[in-house]
Amino acid sequence: MDSDHLYRVEKKDLPKLELLLNQCFAHDPLYETLIPDPEVRKRLMPELFHCDMDEFYETCEIFADDENLNSVLVVSDEAEPYNLFQFYLSEAKAALQTDTYLIREDPSLQTFRNFLKGEDYLNSSWTDQLHQNQRLHIIYLAVAPNMQHHGIAAHLMNEAIRYATEHRLMISLETHNEDNLEFYQHFGFKVYGIVKRNFPLKQYCLIREVQ
């Protein structure tokens, strides 16, 4: 994905975005389900987002609304060619690092087992059913809590939609918060399906058809 209206995140920006994600997802239903112990969650989430940002910087595109980094948009452009070896190497490194964090922060292995049981919530495997490689997948769209309700999320989404429309791409994403559905439906997304496996947690899988 390319954009002349968003700031493309640089390597030096990643620590600030890790803090941003930790703030935005502190009470996200997914993490509260997989990491039910508040103390473990407090220690573990910054490490998980550090791992995510390292992986996504290598394999995806990361944007913010501007250099102040009050927001983040992480997208995977499935239509773009990529280095398969680098992709799987980055993915394997991230998986190993994540497992290390899970075991270190919760030696009882309960959190580690939860992540194994919750794999379907974490890997976006539902998108395989779409049989559509001409697709933009939104991994993260988040705005700092003190900057919400200022149109920043809409600005990020409009840029993703502009790019997808120009390149005739479907857009896919998932959310674990039912309250987010109205926002996405406003931009033309519809619920493709709902994942609910091993936990009383619903993952809403959304798509925006090629326009």
C-alpha atoms as a PDB file:
ATOM      1  CA  MET A   1       0.000   0.000   0.000  1.00  0.00           C
ATOM      2  CA  ASP A   2       1.153   3.518  -0.806  1.00  0.00           C
ATOM      3  CA  SER A   3      -0.166   6.814   0.509  1.00  0.00           C
ATOM      4  CA  ASP A   4       0.788  10.450  -0.016  1.00  0.00           C
ATOM      5  CA  HIS A   5      -1.440  11.489   2.893  1.00  0.00           C
ATOM      6  CA  LEU A   6      -0.160   9.240   5.675  1.00  0.00           C
ATOM      7  CA  TYR A   7       3.180   9.062   7.448  1.00  0.00           C
ATOM      8  CA  ARG A   8       5.083   5.873   6.699  1.00  0.00           C
ATOM      9  CA  VAL A   9       6.487   4.597   9.973  1.00  0.00           C
ATOM     10  CA  GLU A  10      10.255   4.221  10.303  1.00  0.00           C
ATOM     11  CA  LYS A  11      12.219   1.757  12.412  1.00  0.00           C
ATOM     12  CA  LYS A  12      12.984   4.409  15.013  1.00  0.00           C
ATOM     13  CA  ASP A  13       9.234   4.969  15.542  1.00  0.00           C
ATOM     14  CA  LEU A  14       8.437   1.416  16.612  1.00  0.00           C
ATOM     15  CA  PRO A  15       8.972   1.817  20.391  1.00  0.00           C
ATOM     16  CA  LYS A  16       6.437   4.661  20.486  1.00  0.00           C
ATOM     17  CA  LEU A  17       3.918   2.606  18.526  1.00  0.00           C
ATOM     18  CA  GLU A  18       4.394  -0.329  20.890  1.00  0.00           C
ATOM     19  CA  LEU A  19       3.355   1.942  23.765  1.00  0.00           C
ATOM     20  CA  LEU A  20       0.413   3.204  21.724  1.00  0.00           C
ATOM     21  CA  LEU A  21      -0.853  -0.310  21.029  1.00  0.00           C
ATOM     22  CA  ASN A  22      -0.484  -1.219  24.679  1.00  0.00           C
ATOM     23  CA  GLN A  23      -2.699   1.741  25.610  1.00  0.00           C
ATOM     24  CA  CYS A  24      -5.271   1.062  22.909  1.00  0.00           C
ATOM     25  CA  PHE A  25      -5.663  -2.659  23.587  1.00  0.00           C
ATOM     26  CA  ALA A  26      -5.272  -2.700  27.370  1.00  0.00           C
ATOM     27  CA  HIS A  27      -8.904  -3.775  27.745  1.00  0.00           C
ATOM     28  CA  ASP A  28      -9.389  -5.537  24.432  1.00  0.00           C
ATOM     29  CA  PRO A  29     -11.615  -8.652  24.760  1.00  0.00           C
ATOM     30  CA  LEU A  30      -9.056 -10.825  22.958  1.00  0.00           C
ATOM     31  CA  TYR A  31      -6.212 -10.139  25.370  1.00  0.00           C
ATOM     32  CA  GLU A  32      -8.451 -10.221  28.430  1.00  0.00           C
ATOM     33  CA  THR A  33      -9.628 -13.667  27.310  1.00  0.00           C
ATOM     34  CA  LEU A  34      -6.235 -15.150  26.435  1.00  0.00           C
ATOM     35  CA  ILE A  35      -4.398 -13.502  29.341  1.00  0.00           C
ATOM     36  CA  PRO A  36      -6.991 -13.459  32.142  1.00  0.00           C
ATOM     37  CA  ASP A  37      -4.517 -12.684  34.948  1.00  0.00           C
ATOM     38  CA  PRO A  38      -4.216  -8.852  35.086  1.00  0.00           C
ATOM     39  CA  GLU A  39      -0.643  -8.910  36.383  1.00  0.00           C
ATOM     40  CA  VAL A  40       0.535 -11.314  33.704  1.00  0.00           C
ATOM     41  CA  ARG A  41      -1.280  -9.244  31.096  1.00  0.00           C
ATOM     42  CA  LYS A  42       0.378  -6.046  32.303  1.00  0.00           C
ATOM     43  CA  ARG A  43       3.845  -7.600  31.944  1.00  0.00           C
ATOM     44  CA  LEU A  44       3.205  -9.546  28.769  1.00  0.00           C
ATOM     45  CA  MET A  45       1.367  -7.182  26.438  1.00  0.00           C
ATOM     46  CA  PRO A  46       4.260  -4.722  25.907  1.00  0.00           C
ATOM     47  CA  GLU A  47       6.469  -7.671  24.964  1.00  0.00           C
ATOM     48  CA  LEU A  48       3.884  -9.050  22.557  1.00  0.00           C
ATOM     49  CA  PHE A  49       3.481  -5.703  20.808  1.00  0.00           C
ATOM     50  CA  HIS A  50       7.256  -5.344  20.588  1.00  0.00           C
ATOM     51  CA  CYS A  51       7.343  -8.710  18.842  1.00  0.00           C
ATOM     52  CA  ASP A  52       4.445  -7.749  16.551  1.00  0.00           C
ATOM     53  CA  MET A  53       5.994  -4.458  15.477  1.00  0.00           C
ATOM     54  CA  ASP A  54       9.327  -6.089  14.663  1.00  0.00           C
ATOM     55  CA  GLU A  55       7.604  -8.724  12.525  1.00  0.00           C
ATOM     56  CA  PHE A  56       5.197  -6.362  10.785  1.00  0.00           C
ATOM     57  CA  TYR A  57       7.931  -3.850   9.990  1.00  0.00           C
ATOM     58  CA  GLU A  58       9.603  -6.593   7.957  1.00  0.00           C
ATOM     59  CA  THR A  59       6.495  -8.076   6.318  1.00  0.00           C
ATOM     60  CA  CYS A  60       3.773  -5.390   6.178  1.00  0.00           C
ATOM     61  CA  GLU A  61       3.224  -1.650   5.736  1.00  0.00           C
ATOM     62  CA  ILE A  62       2.874   0.545   8.819  1.00  0.00           C
ATOM     63  CA  PHE A  63       1.427   4.071   8.729  1.00  0.00           C
ATOM     64  CA  ALA A  64       0.351   6.806  11.125  1.00  0.00           C
ATOM     65  CA  ASP A  65      -1.741   9.890  10.440  1.00  0.00           C
ATOM     66  CA  ASP A  66       1.373  12.082  10.893  1.00  0.00           C
ATOM     67  CA  GLU A  67       4.807  12.240  12.531  1.00  0.00           C
ATOM     68  CA  ASN A  68       3.262  12.663  15.995  1.00  0.00           C
ATOM     69  CA  LEU A  69       2.353   8.953  15.933  1.00  0.00           C
ATOM     70  CA  ASN A  70      -1.012   9.309  17.630  1.00  0.00           C
ATOM     71  CA  SER A  71      -2.350   6.456  15.529  1.00  0.00           C
ATOM     72  CA  VAL A  72      -1.265   3.345  13.691  1.00  0.00           C
ATOM     73  CA  LEU A  73      -2.480   1.484  10.614  1.00  0.00           C
ATOM     74  CA  VAL A  74      -0.845  -1.868   9.853  1.00  0.00           C
ATOM     75  CA  VAL A  75      -1.822  -3.475   6.554  1.00  0.00           C
ATOM     76  CA  SER A  76      -0.797  -6.520   4.587  1.00  0.00           C
ATOM     77  CA  ASP A  77      -1.140  -6.013   0.838  1.00  0.00           C
ATOM     78  CA  GLU A  78      -1.845  -9.545  -0.337  1.00  0.00           C
ATOM     79  CA  ALA A  79      -1.665  -8.444  -3.976  1.00  0.00           C
ATOM     80  CA  GLU A  80       1.983  -7.365  -3.692  1.00  0.00           C
ATOM     81  CA  PRO A  81       4.792  -9.864  -4.387  1.00  0.00           C
ATOM     82  CA  TYR A  82       6.968 -10.645  -1.392  1.00  0.00           C
ATOM     83  CA  ASN A  83      10.082 -12.586  -0.467  1.00  0.00           C
ATOM     84  CA  LEU A  84       8.707 -15.931   0.698  1.00  0.00           C
ATOM     85  CA  PHE A  85      11.879 -16.882   2.564  1.00  0.00           C
ATOM     86  CA  GLN A  86      12.003 -13.579   4.437  1.00  0.00           C
ATOM     87  CA  PHE A  87       8.303 -13.820   5.260  1.00  0.00           C
ATOM     88  CA  TYR A  88       8.523 -17.283   6.823  1.00  0.00           C
ATOM     89  CA  LEU A  89      11.791 -16.449   8.575  1.00  0.00           C
ATOM     90  CA  SER A  90      10.213 -13.363  10.180  1.00  0.00           C
ATOM     91  CA  GLU A  91       7.122 -15.347  11.103  1.00  0.00           C
ATOM     92  CA  ALA A  92       9.148 -18.169  12.697  1.00  0.00           C
ATOM     93  CA  LYS A  93      11.303 -15.716  14.636  1.00  0.00           C
ATOM     94  CA  ALA A  94       8.207 -13.916  15.941  1.00  0.00           C
ATOM     95  CA  ALA A  95       6.540 -17.200  16.955  1.00  0.00           C
ATOM     96  CA  LEU A  96       9.622 -18.332  18.866  1.00  0.00           C
ATOM     97  CA  GLN A  97       9.966 -14.987  20.603  1.00  0.00           C
ATOM     98  CA  THR A  98       6.270 -14.925  21.509  1.00  0.00           C
ATOM     99  CA  ASP A  99       6.427 -18.417  23.012  1.00  0.00           C
ATOM    100  CA  THR A 100       9.445 -17.352  25.068  1.00  0.00           C
ATOM    101  CA  TYR A 101       7.545 -14.364  26.461  1.00  0.00           C
ATOM    102  CA  LEU A 102       4.456 -16.442  27.235  1.00  0.00           C
ATOM    103  CA  ILE A 103       6.403 -19.060  29.192  1.00  0.00           C
ATOM    104  CA  ARG A 104       8.641 -16.575  30.977  1.00  0.00           C
ATOM    105  CA  GLU A 105       5.808 -14.340  32.183  1.00  0.00           C
ATOM    106  CA  ASP A 106       3.540 -17.235  33.179  1.00  0.00           C
ATOM    107  CA  PRO A 107       5.555 -20.332  34.136  1.00  0.00           C
ATOM    108  CA  SER A 108       2.317 -22.185  34.911  1.00  0.00           C
ATOM    109  CA  LEU A 109       1.965 -22.433  31.077  1.00  0.00           C
ATOM    110  CA  GLN A 110      -1.732 -21.517  31.312  1.00  0.00           C
ATOM    111  CA  THR A 111      -1.270 -18.445  29.109  1.00  0.00           C
ATOM    112  CA  PHE A 112       0.808 -20.479  26.663  1.00  0.00           C
ATOM    113  CA  ARG A 113      -1.996 -23.059  26.463  1.00  0.00           C
ATOM    114  CA  ASN A 114      -4.565 -20.296  25.972  1.00  0.00           C
ATOM    115  CA  PHE A 115      -2.623 -18.958  22.999  1.00  0.00           C
ATOM    116  CA  LEU A 116      -2.509 -22.445  21.480  1.00  0.00           C
ATOM    117  CA  LYS A 117      -6.252 -22.872  21.996  1.00  0.00           C
ATOM    118  CA  GLY A 118      -6.870 -19.363  20.649  1.00  0.00           C
ATOM    119  CA  GLU A 119      -4.857 -19.777  17.466  1.00  0.00           C
ATOM    120  CA  ASP A 120      -7.919 -19.257  15.270  1.00  0.00           C
ATOM    121  CA  TYR A 121      -8.365 -15.810  16.815  1.00  0.00           C
ATOM    122  CA  LEU A 122      -4.766 -14.837  16.177  1.00  0.00           C
ATOM    123  CA  ASN A 123      -3.778 -15.989  12.692  1.00  0.00           C
ATOM    124  CA  SER A 124      -6.544 -14.594  10.439  1.00  0.00           C
ATOM    125  CA  SER A 125      -6.921 -18.076   8.942  1.00  0.00           C
ATOM    126  CA  TRP A 126     -10.569 -17.306   8.204  1.00  0.00           C
ATOM    127  CA  THR A 127      -9.386 -15.246   5.212  1.00  0.00           C
ATOM    128  CA  ASP A 128      -8.411 -18.503   3.442  1.00  0.00           C
ATOM    129  CA  GLN A 129     -12.124 -18.994   2.807  1.00  0.00           C
ATOM    130  CA  LEU A 130     -12.209 -15.841   0.700  1.00  0.00           C
ATOM    131  CA  HIS A 131     -10.039 -17.383  -2.054  1.00  0.00           C
ATOM    132  CA  GLN A 132      -8.999 -13.824  -2.844  1.00  0.00           C
ATOM    133  CA  ASN A 133      -5.389 -12.705  -3.176  1.00  0.00           C
ATOM    134  CA  GLN A 134      -6.382  -9.301  -4.553  1.00  0.00           C
ATOM    135  CA  ARG A 135      -6.942  -8.121  -1.022  1.00  0.00           C
ATOM    136  CA  LEU A 136      -5.753  -5.656   1.592  1.00  0.00           C
ATOM    137  CA  HIS A 137      -5.852  -7.020   5.150  1.00  0.00           C
ATOM    138  CA  ILE A 138      -5.967  -4.518   8.008  1.00  0.00           C
ATOM    139  CA  ILE A 139      -4.111  -5.975  10.984  1.00  0.00           C
ATOM    140  CA  TYR A 140      -4.213  -2.976  13.322  1.00  0.00           C
ATOM    141  CA  LEU A 141      -6.117   0.288  13.208  1.00  0.00           C
ATOM    142  CA  ALA A 142      -5.750   2.175  16.481  1.00  0.00           C
ATOM    143  CA  VAL A 143      -5.798   5.745  17.768  1.00  0.00           C
ATOM    144  CA  ALA A 144      -4.377   6.992  21.077  1.00  0.00           C
ATOM    145  CA  PRO A 145      -7.174   7.209  23.676  1.00  0.00           C
ATOM    146  CA  ASN A 146      -6.652  10.958  24.199  1.00  0.00           C
ATOM    147  CA  MET A 147      -6.877  11.607  20.427  1.00  0.00           C
ATOM    148  CA  GLN A 148     -10.017   9.619  19.659  1.00  0.00           C
ATOM    149  CA  HIS A 149     -13.195  11.222  18.290  1.00  0.00           C
ATOM    150  CA  HIS A 150     -11.174  13.657  16.168  1.00  0.00           C
ATOM    151  CA  GLY A 151     -11.626  11.865  12.847  1.00  0.00           C
ATOM    152  CA  ILE A 152      -8.207  10.224  12.826  1.00  0.00           C
ATOM    153  CA  ALA A 153      -9.505   6.654  12.521  1.00  0.00           C
ATOM    154  CA  ALA A 154     -11.754   7.739   9.637  1.00  0.00           C
ATOM    155  CA  HIS A 155      -8.769   9.397   7.939  1.00  0.00           C
ATOM    156  CA  LEU A 156      -6.735   6.185   8.168  1.00  0.00           C
ATOM    157  CA  MET A 157      -9.632   4.077   6.929  1.00  0.00           C
ATOM    158  CA  ASN A 158     -10.371   6.425   4.034  1.00  0.00           C
ATOM    159  CA  GLU A 159      -6.765   6.131   2.865  1.00  0.00           C
ATOM    160  CA  ALA A 160      -6.913   2.336   2.974  1.00  0.00           C
ATOM    161  CA  ILE A 161     -10.197   2.409   1.042  1.00  0.00           C
ATOM    162  CA  ARG A 162      -8.806   4.885  -1.512  1.00  0.00           C
ATOM    163  CA  TYR A 163      -5.854   2.592  -2.213  1.00  0.00           C
ATOM    164  CA  ALA A 164      -8.034  -0.521  -2.348  1.00  0.00           C
ATOM    165  CA  THR A 165     -10.480   1.145  -4.719  1.00  0.00           C
ATOM    166  CA  GLU A 166      -7.713   2.356  -7.059  1.00  0.00           C
ATOM    167  CA  HIS A 167      -6.237  -1.159  -7.210  1.00  0.00           C
ATOM    168  CA  ARG A 168      -9.565  -3.022  -7.128  1.00  0.00           C
ATOM    169  CA  LEU A 169      -8.801  -4.830  -3.885  1.00  0.00           C
ATOM    170  CA  MET A 170     -11.106  -6.394  -1.322  1.00  0.00           C
ATOM    171  CA  ILE A 171     -10.395  -5.286   2.260  1.00  0.00           C
ATOM    172  CA  SER A 172     -10.573  -7.717   5.180  1.00  0.00           C
ATOM    173  CA  LEU A 173     -10.179  -7.242   8.917  1.00  0.00           C
ATOM    174  CA  GLU A 174     -11.355  -8.661  12.215  1.00  0.00           C
ATOM    175  CA  THR A 175     -12.470  -7.200  15.524  1.00  0.00           C
ATOM    176  CA  HIS A 176     -13.292  -8.762  18.868  1.00  0.00           C
ATOM    177  CA  ASN A 177     -15.341  -5.814  20.047  1.00  0.00           C
ATOM    178  CA  GLU A 178     -18.954  -5.683  18.911  1.00  0.00           C
ATOM    179  CA  ASP A 179     -19.001  -1.933  19.566  1.00  0.00           C
ATOM    180  CA  ASN A 180     -16.614  -1.458  16.609  1.00  0.00           C
ATOM    181  CA  LEU A 181     -19.019  -2.929  14.063  1.00  0.00           C
ATOM    182  CA  GLU A 182     -20.967   0.274  13.479  1.00  0.00           C
ATOM    183  CA  PHE A 183     -17.757   2.160  12.621  1.00  0.00           C
ATOM    184  CA  TYR A 184     -16.702  -0.409  10.028  1.00  0.00           C
ATOM    185  CA  GLN A 185     -20.194  -0.802   8.582  1.00  0.00           C
ATOM    186  CA  HIS A 186     -20.235   2.954   8.009  1.00  0.00           C
ATOM    187  CA  PHE A 187     -17.349   2.404   5.566  1.00  0.00           C
ATOM    188  CA  GLY A 188     -19.101  -0.369   3.680  1.00  0.00           C
ATOM    189  CA  PHE A 189     -17.848  -3.434   5.546  1.00  0.00           C
ATOM    190  CA  LYS A 190     -20.124  -6.386   6.195  1.00  0.00           C
ATOM    191  CA  VAL A 191     -19.761  -9.295   8.589  1.00  0.00           C
ATOM    192  CA  TYR A 192     -18.512 -12.295   6.624  1.00  0.00           C
ATOM    193  CA  GLY A 193     -18.566 -14.668   9.581  1.00  0.00           C
ATOM    194  CA  ILE A 194     -18.025 -15.036  13.308  1.00  0.00           C
ATOM    195  CA  VAL A 195     -15.286 -17.160  14.898  1.00  0.00           C
ATOM    196  CA  LYS A 196     -16.068 -18.654  18.307  1.00  0.00           C
ATOM    197  CA  ARG A 197     -13.868 -21.585  19.292  1.00  0.00           C
ATOM    198  CA  ASN A 198     -12.651 -22.838  22.680  1.00  0.00           C
ATOM    199  CA  PHE A 199     -13.529 -19.535  24.395  1.00  0.00           C
ATOM    200  CA  PRO A 200     -16.720 -17.492  24.948  1.00  0.00           C
ATOM    201  CA  LEU A 201     -15.256 -14.830  22.646  1.00  0.00           C
ATOM    202  CA  LYS A 202     -16.607 -13.735  19.289  1.00  0.00           C
ATOM    203  CA  GLN A 203     -14.292 -12.618  16.518  1.00  0.00           C
ATOM    204  CA  TYR A 204     -16.185 -10.660  13.889  1.00  0.00           C
ATOM    205  CA  CYS A 205     -14.663 -11.191  10.442  1.00  0.00           C
ATOM    206  CA  LEU A 206     -15.440  -8.328   8.078  1.00  0.00           C
ATOM    207  CA  ILE A 207     -14.906  -7.683   4.406  1.00  0.00           C
ATOM    208  CA  ARG A 208     -15.398  -4.754   2.067  1.00  0.00           C
ATOM    209  CA  GLU A 209     -16.035  -5.970  -1.450  1.00  0.00           C
ATOM    210  CA  VAL A 210     -14.189  -4.594  -4.463  1.00  0.00           C
ATOM    211  CA  GLN A 211     -15.845  -1.333  -5.466  1.00  0.00           C
END
